[in-house]
Amino acid sequence: MKINANGTEISVIGNIVNENAYISLTDIAKKKDPNEPRIVISNWMSSYSTIDFLATWESLYNPNFNRLEFQTVRSEPGRLIMTPKQWIERMNAIGITSQAGRYGGTFAHTDIAFEFASWISPEFKLYIIKDYQRLKIDEAKRLEIGWDTKRELTKINYHIHTDAIKEFLITPELTAQEQSFTYANEADLLNIALFGKTAKQWRLETGNKKQNMRDFASVEQLIVLVNLESMNADMIRQGIPAPERLKKLRSVAYYQLHSLLSNNSAKRLKENIQNRLEQK
């Protein structure tokens, strides 16, 4: 998810609806220095007023916060120097997190991120809060609108897909665990083709261990998923290897999703869903 703060894109991870979202401090810091956002964050954290704020937040929400270590840092002589990594490791903190990889960086709970944004610029903070609220409302609507209908969409070709797996990929010598892995691998084949990641990767990125990324999919994505299930089932019956199937599924997913997003058919479907919900 992305916040658009007056033209500046800022990544958001986690559950925004349940107030458990984390906003990218790295993206916010780029507003001040696009080349060295880590230094900007470290400068902010190397202030006693900042670490006092962070410690208060951790005390409220983190039962494992290392208060003794915080008092040690607070009483150390000399100039305070603090980085996100040091804060996380020394304080056992949860309000700030660092992620590696292409879409990584330093993220912080919204309470902390807004405080940091205020330090960068009060005006910039207001733009962030405004679009965050917009994003929160949109996400709530997306989860609410057509929940049952979206679930029904995912069931349309589900059995066609699983029956093909059972008939052609599940053999008598496979253990129950191996059979389970086979079904999961085929589900992830579709996930990678459509969403670009496995279910496990999504859970690690979002920290959401209770839900499935398909629950957060758009109507357009679910329509494509239905088609991919049918197509993959046919290719399984033809004995096409998984790598080749993935390549074809990716191509089809890209084409179909682009087609749906560029015409009004899916939009009308979502409007019909919304109208039915409002009549209940």
C-alpha atoms as a PDB file:
ATOM      1  CA  MET A   1       0.000   0.000   0.000  1.00  0.00           C
ATOM      2  CA  LYS A   2       1.104   3.545  -0.676  1.00  0.00           C
ATOM      3  CA  ILE A   3       0.334   6.919   0.823  1.00  0.00           C
ATOM      4  CA  ASN A   4       0.523   9.835  -1.571  1.00  0.00           C
ATOM      5  CA  ALA A   5       1.536  12.833   0.546  1.00  0.00           C
ATOM      6  CA  ASN A   6       1.275  15.759  -1.840  1.00  0.00           C
ATOM      7  CA  GLY A   7       3.139  13.834  -4.539  1.00  0.00           C
ATOM      8  CA  THR A   8       5.495  11.876  -2.262  1.00  0.00           C
ATOM      9  CA  GLU A   9       4.832   8.128  -2.215  1.00  0.00           C
ATOM     10  CA  ILE A  10       5.246   6.440   1.173  1.00  0.00           C
ATOM     11  CA  SER A  11       4.957   2.686   1.689  1.00  0.00           C
ATOM     12  CA  VAL A  12       2.637   1.214   4.310  1.00  0.00           C
ATOM     13  CA  ILE A  13       2.659  -2.368   5.578  1.00  0.00           C
ATOM     14  CA  GLY A  14       0.493  -4.241   8.062  1.00  0.00           C
ATOM     15  CA  ASN A  15      -3.215  -3.981   8.851  1.00  0.00           C
ATOM     16  CA  ILE A  16      -4.234  -0.396   8.362  1.00  0.00           C
ATOM     17  CA  VAL A  17      -7.867  -1.033   9.306  1.00  0.00           C
ATOM     18  CA  ASN A  18      -7.021  -2.499  12.719  1.00  0.00           C
ATOM     19  CA  GLU A  19      -4.566   0.299  13.517  1.00  0.00           C
ATOM     20  CA  ASN A  20      -1.611  -2.049  13.225  1.00  0.00           C
ATOM     21  CA  ALA A  21       0.021  -0.431  10.234  1.00  0.00           C
ATOM     22  CA  TYR A  22       3.671   0.546   9.872  1.00  0.00           C
ATOM     23  CA  ILE A  23       4.736   3.477   7.691  1.00  0.00           C
ATOM     24  CA  SER A  24       8.094   3.746   5.954  1.00  0.00           C
ATOM     25  CA  LEU A  25      10.365   6.173   7.808  1.00  0.00           C
ATOM     26  CA  THR A  26      12.803   5.735   4.937  1.00  0.00           C
ATOM     27  CA  ASP A  27      10.304   7.177   2.453  1.00  0.00           C
ATOM     28  CA  ILE A  28       9.416  10.025   4.820  1.00  0.00           C
ATOM     29  CA  ALA A  29      13.109  10.801   5.391  1.00  0.00           C
ATOM     30  CA  LYS A  30      13.662  11.115   1.636  1.00  0.00           C
ATOM     31  CA  LYS A  31      11.584  14.284   1.798  1.00  0.00           C
ATOM     32  CA  LYS A  32      14.480  15.859   3.717  1.00  0.00           C
ATOM     33  CA  ASP A  33      17.385  14.059   2.049  1.00  0.00           C
ATOM     34  CA  PRO A  34      16.686  11.731  -0.909  1.00  0.00           C
ATOM     35  CA  ASN A  35      20.253  10.397  -0.903  1.00  0.00           C
ATOM     36  CA  GLU A  36      20.839   9.649   2.791  1.00  0.00           C
ATOM     37  CA  PRO A  37      17.508   8.833   4.469  1.00  0.00           C
ATOM     38  CA  ARG A  38      19.262   6.606   7.043  1.00  0.00           C
ATOM     39  CA  ILE A  39      21.242   9.568   8.340  1.00  0.00           C
ATOM     40  CA  VAL A  40      18.047  11.622   8.643  1.00  0.00           C
ATOM     41  CA  ILE A  41      16.401   8.871  10.718  1.00  0.00           C
ATOM     42  CA  SER A  42      19.502   8.441  12.886  1.00  0.00           C
ATOM     43  CA  ASN A  43      19.684  12.199  13.519  1.00  0.00           C
ATOM     44  CA  TRP A  44      16.067  12.191  14.667  1.00  0.00           C
ATOM     45  CA  MET A  45      16.636   9.217  16.943  1.00  0.00           C
ATOM     46  CA  SER A  46      19.827  10.732  18.406  1.00  0.00           C
ATOM     47  CA  SER A  47      17.773  13.085  20.522  1.00  0.00           C
ATOM     48  CA  TYR A  48      16.697  12.545  24.113  1.00  0.00           C
ATOM     49  CA  SER A  49      13.230  13.886  23.413  1.00  0.00           C
ATOM     50  CA  THR A  50      12.836  11.325  20.610  1.00  0.00           C
ATOM     51  CA  ILE A  51      14.002   8.305  22.601  1.00  0.00           C
ATOM     52  CA  ASP A  52      11.851   9.420  25.547  1.00  0.00           C
ATOM     53  CA  PHE A  53       8.864   9.413  23.197  1.00  0.00           C
ATOM     54  CA  LEU A  54       9.832   6.012  21.778  1.00  0.00           C
ATOM     55  CA  ALA A  55      10.323   4.602  25.279  1.00  0.00           C
ATOM     56  CA  THR A  56       6.883   5.838  26.340  1.00  0.00           C
ATOM     57  CA  TRP A  57       5.301   4.178  23.297  1.00  0.00           C
ATOM     58  CA  GLU A  58       7.114   0.890  23.977  1.00  0.00           C
ATOM     59  CA  SER A  59       6.102   1.002  27.644  1.00  0.00           C
ATOM     60  CA  LEU A  60       2.455   1.305  26.611  1.00  0.00           C
ATOM     61  CA  TYR A  61       2.386  -1.392  23.944  1.00  0.00           C
ATOM     62  CA  ASN A  62       5.375  -3.683  24.448  1.00  0.00           C
ATOM     63  CA  PRO A  63       5.462  -5.846  27.607  1.00  0.00           C
ATOM     64  CA  ASN A  64       8.977  -7.016  26.676  1.00  0.00           C
ATOM     65  CA  PHE A  65      10.451  -3.540  26.385  1.00  0.00           C
ATOM     66  CA  ASN A  66      13.899  -3.479  28.001  1.00  0.00           C
ATOM     67  CA  ARG A  67      13.454  -0.593  30.432  1.00  0.00           C
ATOM     68  CA  LEU A  68      16.740  -1.255  32.224  1.00  0.00           C
ATOM     69  CA  GLU A  69      18.682  -0.959  28.973  1.00  0.00           C
ATOM     70  CA  PHE A  70      16.817   2.233  28.156  1.00  0.00           C
ATOM     71  CA  GLN A  71      17.775   3.745  31.508  1.00  0.00           C
ATOM     72  CA  THR A  72      21.378   2.755  30.826  1.00  0.00           C
ATOM     73  CA  VAL A  73      21.336   4.534  27.464  1.00  0.00           C
ATOM     74  CA  ARG A  74      19.498   7.509  28.951  1.00  0.00           C
ATOM     75  CA  SER A  75      22.193   8.000  31.600  1.00  0.00           C
ATOM     76  CA  GLU A  76      25.253   7.426  29.379  1.00  0.00           C
ATOM     77  CA  PRO A  77      27.572  10.464  29.261  1.00  0.00           C
ATOM     78  CA  GLY A  78      28.476  12.143  26.007  1.00  0.00           C
ATOM     79  CA  ARG A  79      26.565  12.730  22.811  1.00  0.00           C
ATOM     80  CA  LEU A  80      23.641  10.390  22.148  1.00  0.00           C
ATOM     81  CA  ILE A  81      23.917   8.400  18.910  1.00  0.00           C
ATOM     82  CA  MET A  82      21.074   6.026  18.109  1.00  0.00           C
ATOM     83  CA  THR A  83      20.124   4.092  14.960  1.00  0.00           C
ATOM     84  CA  PRO A  84      16.983   2.019  14.295  1.00  0.00           C
ATOM     85  CA  LYS A  85      19.009  -1.210  14.487  1.00  0.00           C
ATOM     86  CA  GLN A  86      20.527  -0.246  17.841  1.00  0.00           C
ATOM     87  CA  TRP A  87      17.156   0.755  19.240  1.00  0.00           C
ATOM     88  CA  ILE A  88      15.471  -2.473  18.120  1.00  0.00           C
ATOM     89  CA  GLU A  89      18.230  -4.766  19.367  1.00  0.00           C
ATOM     90  CA  ARG A  90      19.052  -3.033  22.646  1.00  0.00           C
ATOM     91  CA  MET A  91      15.500  -2.214  23.718  1.00  0.00           C
ATOM     92  CA  ASN A  92      13.754  -5.248  22.244  1.00  0.00           C
ATOM     93  CA  ALA A  93      11.552  -2.663  20.544  1.00  0.00           C
ATOM     94  CA  ILE A  94       8.536  -3.398  18.359  1.00  0.00           C
ATOM     95  CA  GLY A  95       7.459   0.114  17.369  1.00  0.00           C
ATOM     96  CA  ILE A  96      10.227   0.360  14.774  1.00  0.00           C
ATOM     97  CA  THR A  97      11.228  -2.404  12.391  1.00  0.00           C
ATOM     98  CA  SER A  98      13.797  -2.759   9.634  1.00  0.00           C
ATOM     99  CA  GLN A  99      13.314  -4.885   6.540  1.00  0.00           C
ATOM    100  CA  ALA A 100      15.935  -5.924   4.027  1.00  0.00           C
ATOM    101  CA  GLY A 101      15.467  -6.408   0.315  1.00  0.00           C
ATOM    102  CA  ARG A 102      14.168  -4.409  -2.591  1.00  0.00           C
ATOM    103  CA  TYR A 103      11.085  -3.176  -0.759  1.00  0.00           C
ATOM    104  CA  GLY A 104      12.804  -2.922   2.612  1.00  0.00           C
ATOM    105  CA  GLY A 105      13.785  -0.002   4.781  1.00  0.00           C
ATOM    106  CA  THR A 106      12.902   1.296   8.224  1.00  0.00           C
ATOM    107  CA  PHE A 107       9.224   1.209   9.146  1.00  0.00           C
ATOM    108  CA  ALA A 108       7.475   2.476  12.275  1.00  0.00           C
ATOM    109  CA  HIS A 109       4.039   2.229  13.816  1.00  0.00           C
ATOM    110  CA  THR A 110       1.787   5.064  12.692  1.00  0.00           C
ATOM    111  CA  ASP A 111       2.061   6.826  16.080  1.00  0.00           C
ATOM    112  CA  ILE A 112       5.829   6.967  15.696  1.00  0.00           C
ATOM    113  CA  ALA A 113       5.815   7.687  11.973  1.00  0.00           C
ATOM    114  CA  PHE A 114       3.573  10.719  12.443  1.00  0.00           C
ATOM    115  CA  GLU A 115       5.915  12.010  15.156  1.00  0.00           C
ATOM    116  CA  PHE A 116       8.864  11.625  12.799  1.00  0.00           C
ATOM    117  CA  ALA A 117       6.956  13.334   9.983  1.00  0.00           C
ATOM    118  CA  SER A 118       6.233  16.266  12.308  1.00  0.00           C
ATOM    119  CA  TRP A 119       9.970  16.583  12.939  1.00  0.00           C
ATOM    120  CA  ILE A 120      10.571  16.671   9.178  1.00  0.00           C
ATOM    121  CA  SER A 121       7.790  19.183   8.508  1.00  0.00           C
ATOM    122  CA  PRO A 122       4.418  19.845  10.227  1.00  0.00           C
ATOM    123  CA  GLU A 123       2.884  20.564   6.826  1.00  0.00           C
ATOM    124  CA  PHE A 124       4.233  17.287   5.418  1.00  0.00           C
ATOM    125  CA  LYS A 125       2.825  15.438   8.435  1.00  0.00           C
ATOM    126  CA  LEU A 126      -0.660  16.769   7.685  1.00  0.00           C
ATOM    127  CA  TYR A 127      -0.444  15.599   4.072  1.00  0.00           C
ATOM    128  CA  ILE A 128       0.586  12.133   5.320  1.00  0.00           C
ATOM    129  CA  ILE A 129      -2.249  11.941   7.845  1.00  0.00           C
ATOM    130  CA  LYS A 130      -4.790  13.111   5.289  1.00  0.00           C
ATOM    131  CA  ASP A 131      -3.896  10.465   2.725  1.00  0.00           C
ATOM    132  CA  TYR A 132      -3.460   7.823   5.421  1.00  0.00           C
ATOM    133  CA  GLN A 133      -7.076   8.383   6.438  1.00  0.00           C
ATOM    134  CA  ARG A 134      -8.114   8.125   2.795  1.00  0.00           C
ATOM    135  CA  LEU A 135      -6.189   4.878   2.449  1.00  0.00           C
ATOM    136  CA  LYS A 136      -7.727   3.523   5.658  1.00  0.00           C
ATOM    137  CA  ILE A 137     -11.260   4.255   4.440  1.00  0.00           C
ATOM    138  CA  ASP A 138     -10.549   2.702   1.029  1.00  0.00           C
ATOM    139  CA  GLU A 139      -9.082  -0.414   2.640  1.00  0.00           C
ATOM    140  CA  ALA A 140     -12.050  -0.780   4.990  1.00  0.00           C
ATOM    141  CA  LYS A 141     -14.439  -0.530   2.053  1.00  0.00           C
ATOM    142  CA  ARG A 142     -12.388  -3.013   0.061  1.00  0.00           C
ATOM    143  CA  LEU A 143     -12.570  -5.547   2.865  1.00  0.00           C
ATOM    144  CA  GLU A 144     -16.270  -4.940   3.405  1.00  0.00           C
ATOM    145  CA  ILE A 145     -17.612  -4.620  -0.123  1.00  0.00           C
ATOM    146  CA  GLY A 146     -18.515  -7.898  -1.650  1.00  0.00           C
ATOM    147  CA  TRP A 147     -16.779 -10.097   0.951  1.00  0.00           C
ATOM    148  CA  ASP A 148     -19.225 -12.941   0.353  1.00  0.00           C
ATOM    149  CA  THR A 149     -19.314 -12.326  -3.381  1.00  0.00           C
ATOM    150  CA  LYS A 150     -15.520 -12.248  -3.596  1.00  0.00           C
ATOM    151  CA  ARG A 151     -15.398 -15.501  -1.653  1.00  0.00           C
ATOM    152  CA  GLU A 152     -17.859 -17.030  -4.116  1.00  0.00           C
ATOM    153  CA  LEU A 153     -15.657 -15.909  -6.996  1.00  0.00           C
ATOM    154  CA  THR A 154     -12.718 -17.845  -5.560  1.00  0.00           C
ATOM    155  CA  LYS A 155     -14.841 -21.005  -5.331  1.00  0.00           C
ATOM    156  CA  ILE A 156     -15.999 -21.047  -8.952  1.00  0.00           C
ATOM    157  CA  ASN A 157     -13.103 -23.085 -10.342  1.00  0.00           C
ATOM    158  CA  TYR A 158     -11.581 -24.201  -7.041  1.00  0.00           C
ATOM    159  CA  HIS A 159     -12.732 -27.804  -7.348  1.00  0.00           C
ATOM    160  CA  ILE A 160     -11.753 -27.966 -11.019  1.00  0.00           C
ATOM    161  CA  HIS A 161      -8.241 -27.018  -9.947  1.00  0.00           C
ATOM    162  CA  THR A 162      -7.986 -29.323  -6.930  1.00  0.00           C
ATOM    163  CA  ASP A 163      -9.524 -32.261  -8.832  1.00  0.00           C
ATOM    164  CA  ALA A 164      -6.850 -31.934 -11.522  1.00  0.00           C
ATOM    165  CA  ILE A 165      -4.138 -31.920  -8.843  1.00  0.00           C
ATOM    166  CA  LYS A 166      -5.665 -34.949  -7.164  1.00  0.00           C
ATOM    167  CA  GLU A 167      -5.986 -36.889 -10.413  1.00  0.00           C
ATOM    168  CA  PHE A 168      -2.635 -36.111 -12.029  1.00  0.00           C
ATOM    169  CA  LEU A 169      -0.188 -34.972  -9.330  1.00  0.00           C
ATOM    170  CA  ILE A 170      -1.201 -36.923  -6.226  1.00  0.00           C
ATOM    171  CA  THR A 171       0.198 -40.448  -6.416  1.00  0.00           C
ATOM    172  CA  PRO A 172      -0.341 -43.345  -3.961  1.00  0.00           C
ATOM    173  CA  GLU A 173       3.259 -43.301  -2.686  1.00  0.00           C
ATOM    174  CA  LEU A 174       2.999 -39.692  -1.450  1.00  0.00           C
ATOM    175  CA  THR A 175       2.589 -39.233   2.283  1.00  0.00           C
ATOM    176  CA  ALA A 176      -0.221 -37.071   3.655  1.00  0.00           C
ATOM    177  CA  GLN A 177       2.280 -34.276   4.268  1.00  0.00           C
ATOM    178  CA  GLU A 178       3.669 -34.534   0.737  1.00  0.00           C
ATOM    179  CA  GLN A 179       0.143 -34.407  -0.659  1.00  0.00           C
ATOM    180  CA  SER A 180      -0.527 -31.271   1.377  1.00  0.00           C
ATOM    181  CA  PHE A 181       2.667 -29.704   0.029  1.00  0.00           C
ATOM    182  CA  THR A 182       1.579 -30.502  -3.525  1.00  0.00           C
ATOM    183  CA  TYR A 183      -1.732 -28.670  -3.116  1.00  0.00           C
ATOM    184  CA  ALA A 184       0.035 -25.729  -1.419  1.00  0.00           C
ATOM    185  CA  ASN A 185       2.680 -25.533  -4.154  1.00  0.00           C
ATOM    186  CA  GLU A 186       0.042 -25.370  -6.862  1.00  0.00           C
ATOM    187  CA  ALA A 187      -1.843 -22.667  -4.958  1.00  0.00           C
ATOM    188  CA  ASP A 188       1.393 -20.696  -4.697  1.00  0.00           C
ATOM    189  CA  LEU A 189       2.008 -21.183  -8.406  1.00  0.00           C
ATOM    190  CA  LEU A 190      -1.166 -19.187  -8.978  1.00  0.00           C
ATOM    191  CA  ASN A 191      -0.211 -16.676  -6.275  1.00  0.00           C
ATOM    192  CA  ILE A 192       3.151 -15.998  -7.916  1.00  0.00           C
ATOM    193  CA  ALA A 193       1.581 -15.684 -11.354  1.00  0.00           C
ATOM    194  CA  LEU A 194      -1.021 -13.185 -10.160  1.00  0.00           C
ATOM    195  CA  PHE A 195       0.426 -11.440  -7.099  1.00  0.00           C
ATOM    196  CA  GLY A 196       4.145 -11.978  -7.691  1.00  0.00           C
ATOM    197  CA  LYS A 197       4.722 -13.691  -4.346  1.00  0.00           C
ATOM    198  CA  THR A 198       3.872 -16.796  -2.329  1.00  0.00           C
ATOM    199  CA  ALA A 199       1.459 -16.857   0.594  1.00  0.00           C
ATOM    200  CA  LYS A 200       4.415 -17.175   2.994  1.00  0.00           C
ATOM    201  CA  GLN A 201       6.196 -14.174   1.474  1.00  0.00           C
ATOM    202  CA  TRP A 202       3.022 -12.113   1.838  1.00  0.00           C
ATOM    203  CA  ARG A 203       2.670 -13.069   5.502  1.00  0.00           C
ATOM    204  CA  LEU A 204       6.305 -12.163   6.177  1.00  0.00           C
ATOM    205  CA  GLU A 205       5.957  -8.806   4.419  1.00  0.00           C
ATOM    206  CA  THR A 206       2.705  -7.813   6.099  1.00  0.00           C
ATOM    207  CA  GLY A 207       3.065  -9.552   9.443  1.00  0.00           C
ATOM    208  CA  ASN A 208      -0.492 -10.846   8.935  1.00  0.00           C
ATOM    209  CA  LYS A 209      -0.509 -14.497   9.996  1.00  0.00           C
ATOM    210  CA  LYS A 210      -4.258 -14.950  10.360  1.00  0.00           C
ATOM    211  CA  GLN A 211      -5.544 -13.991   6.918  1.00  0.00           C
ATOM    212  CA  ASN A 212      -4.834 -14.902   3.310  1.00  0.00           C
ATOM    213  CA  MET A 213      -3.615 -12.404   0.741  1.00  0.00           C
ATOM    214  CA  ARG A 214      -6.461 -13.480  -1.516  1.00  0.00           C
ATOM    215  CA  ASP A 215      -8.821 -11.949   1.059  1.00  0.00           C
ATOM    216  CA  PHE A 216      -7.283  -8.579   0.161  1.00  0.00           C
ATOM    217  CA  ALA A 217      -7.442  -9.081  -3.596  1.00  0.00           C
ATOM    218  CA  SER A 218      -9.488  -6.787  -5.799  1.00  0.00           C
ATOM    219  CA  VAL A 219     -12.483  -8.033  -7.758  1.00  0.00           C
ATOM    220  CA  GLU A 220     -10.377  -7.809 -10.934  1.00  0.00           C
ATOM    221  CA  GLN A 221      -7.646  -9.975  -9.431  1.00  0.00           C
ATOM    222  CA  LEU A 222     -10.154 -12.589  -8.286  1.00  0.00           C
ATOM    223  CA  ILE A 223     -11.726 -12.753 -11.739  1.00  0.00           C
ATOM    224  CA  VAL A 224      -8.270 -13.413 -13.182  1.00  0.00           C
ATOM    225  CA  LEU A 225      -7.583 -15.992 -10.452  1.00  0.00           C
ATOM    226  CA  VAL A 226     -10.696 -17.924 -11.452  1.00  0.00           C
ATOM    227  CA  ASN A 227      -9.426 -18.053 -15.027  1.00  0.00           C
ATOM    228  CA  LEU A 228      -5.924 -19.076 -13.930  1.00  0.00           C
ATOM    229  CA  GLU A 229      -7.331 -21.975 -11.893  1.00  0.00           C
ATOM    230  CA  SER A 230      -9.101 -23.366 -14.939  1.00  0.00           C
ATOM    231  CA  MET A 231      -6.087 -22.816 -17.187  1.00  0.00           C
ATOM    232  CA  ASN A 232      -3.670 -24.424 -14.733  1.00  0.00           C
ATOM    233  CA  ALA A 233      -5.974 -27.425 -14.344  1.00  0.00           C
ATOM    234  CA  ASP A 234      -5.939 -27.970 -18.106  1.00  0.00           C
ATOM    235  CA  MET A 235      -2.131 -27.702 -18.254  1.00  0.00           C
ATOM    236  CA  ILE A 236      -1.781 -30.154 -15.359  1.00  0.00           C
ATOM    237  CA  ARG A 237      -3.861 -32.665 -17.333  1.00  0.00           C
ATOM    238  CA  GLN A 238      -1.572 -32.104 -20.319  1.00  0.00           C
ATOM    239  CA  GLY A 239       1.474 -32.930 -18.197  1.00  0.00           C
ATOM    240  CA  ILE A 240       3.108 -29.523 -18.662  1.00  0.00           C
ATOM    241  CA  PRO A 241       5.916 -28.952 -16.106  1.00  0.00           C
ATOM    242  CA  ALA A 242       5.400 -26.363 -13.359  1.00  0.00           C
ATOM    243  CA  PRO A 243       8.040 -23.845 -14.606  1.00  0.00           C
ATOM    244  CA  GLU A 244       6.455 -23.747 -18.039  1.00  0.00           C
ATOM    245  CA  ARG A 245       2.968 -23.464 -16.559  1.00  0.00           C
ATOM    246  CA  LEU A 246       4.089 -20.533 -14.384  1.00  0.00           C
ATOM    247  CA  LYS A 247       5.483 -18.699 -17.393  1.00  0.00           C
ATOM    248  CA  LYS A 248       2.205 -19.039 -19.285  1.00  0.00           C
ATOM    249  CA  LEU A 249       0.090 -18.179 -16.251  1.00  0.00           C
ATOM    250  CA  ARG A 250       2.101 -15.010 -15.613  1.00  0.00           C
ATOM    251  CA  SER A 251       1.568 -13.868 -19.186  1.00  0.00           C
ATOM    252  CA  VAL A 252      -2.161 -14.543 -19.033  1.00  0.00           C
ATOM    253  CA  ALA A 253      -2.506 -12.864 -15.620  1.00  0.00           C
ATOM    254  CA  TYR A 254      -0.783  -9.699 -16.846  1.00  0.00           C
ATOM    255  CA  TYR A 255      -2.855  -9.508 -20.021  1.00  0.00           C
ATOM    256  CA  GLN A 256      -6.213 -10.217 -18.367  1.00  0.00           C
ATOM    257  CA  LEU A 257      -5.646  -7.898 -15.422  1.00  0.00           C
ATOM    258  CA  HIS A 258      -4.606  -5.074 -17.749  1.00  0.00           C
ATOM    259  CA  SER A 259      -7.682  -5.716 -19.874  1.00  0.00           C
ATOM    260  CA  LEU A 260     -10.062  -5.673 -16.895  1.00  0.00           C
ATOM    261  CA  LEU A 261      -8.580  -2.515 -15.444  1.00  0.00           C
ATOM    262  CA  SER A 262      -8.833  -0.706 -18.763  1.00  0.00           C
ATOM    263  CA  ASN A 263     -12.534  -1.319 -19.340  1.00  0.00           C
ATOM    264  CA  ASN A 264     -15.715  -0.813 -17.354  1.00  0.00           C
ATOM    265  CA  SER A 265     -16.847  -4.418 -16.875  1.00  0.00           C
ATOM    266  CA  ALA A 266     -15.207  -4.988 -13.505  1.00  0.00           C
ATOM    267  CA  LYS A 267     -16.216  -1.491 -12.385  1.00  0.00           C
ATOM    268  CA  ARG A 268     -19.846  -2.277 -13.094  1.00  0.00           C
ATOM    269  CA  LEU A 269     -19.515  -5.551 -11.187  1.00  0.00           C
ATOM    270  CA  LYS A 270     -18.181  -3.739  -8.122  1.00  0.00           C
ATOM    271  CA  GLU A 271     -20.957  -1.136  -8.369  1.00  0.00           C
ATOM    272  CA  ASN A 272     -23.568  -3.908  -8.500  1.00  0.00           C
ATOM    273  CA  ILE A 273     -22.031  -5.520  -5.412  1.00  0.00           C
ATOM    274  CA  GLN A 274     -22.077  -2.185  -3.596  1.00  0.00           C
ATOM    275  CA  ASN A 275     -25.726  -1.568  -4.536  1.00  0.00           C
ATOM    276  CA  ARG A 276     -26.781  -4.987  -3.260  1.00  0.00           C
ATOM    277  CA  LEU A 277     -25.001  -4.413   0.029  1.00  0.00           C
ATOM    278  CA  GLU A 278     -26.632  -1.015   0.499  1.00  0.00           C
ATOM    279  CA  GLN A 279     -30.070  -2.568  -0.056  1.00  0.00           C
ATOM    280  CA  LYS A 280     -29.540  -5.104   2.765  1.00  0.00           C
END
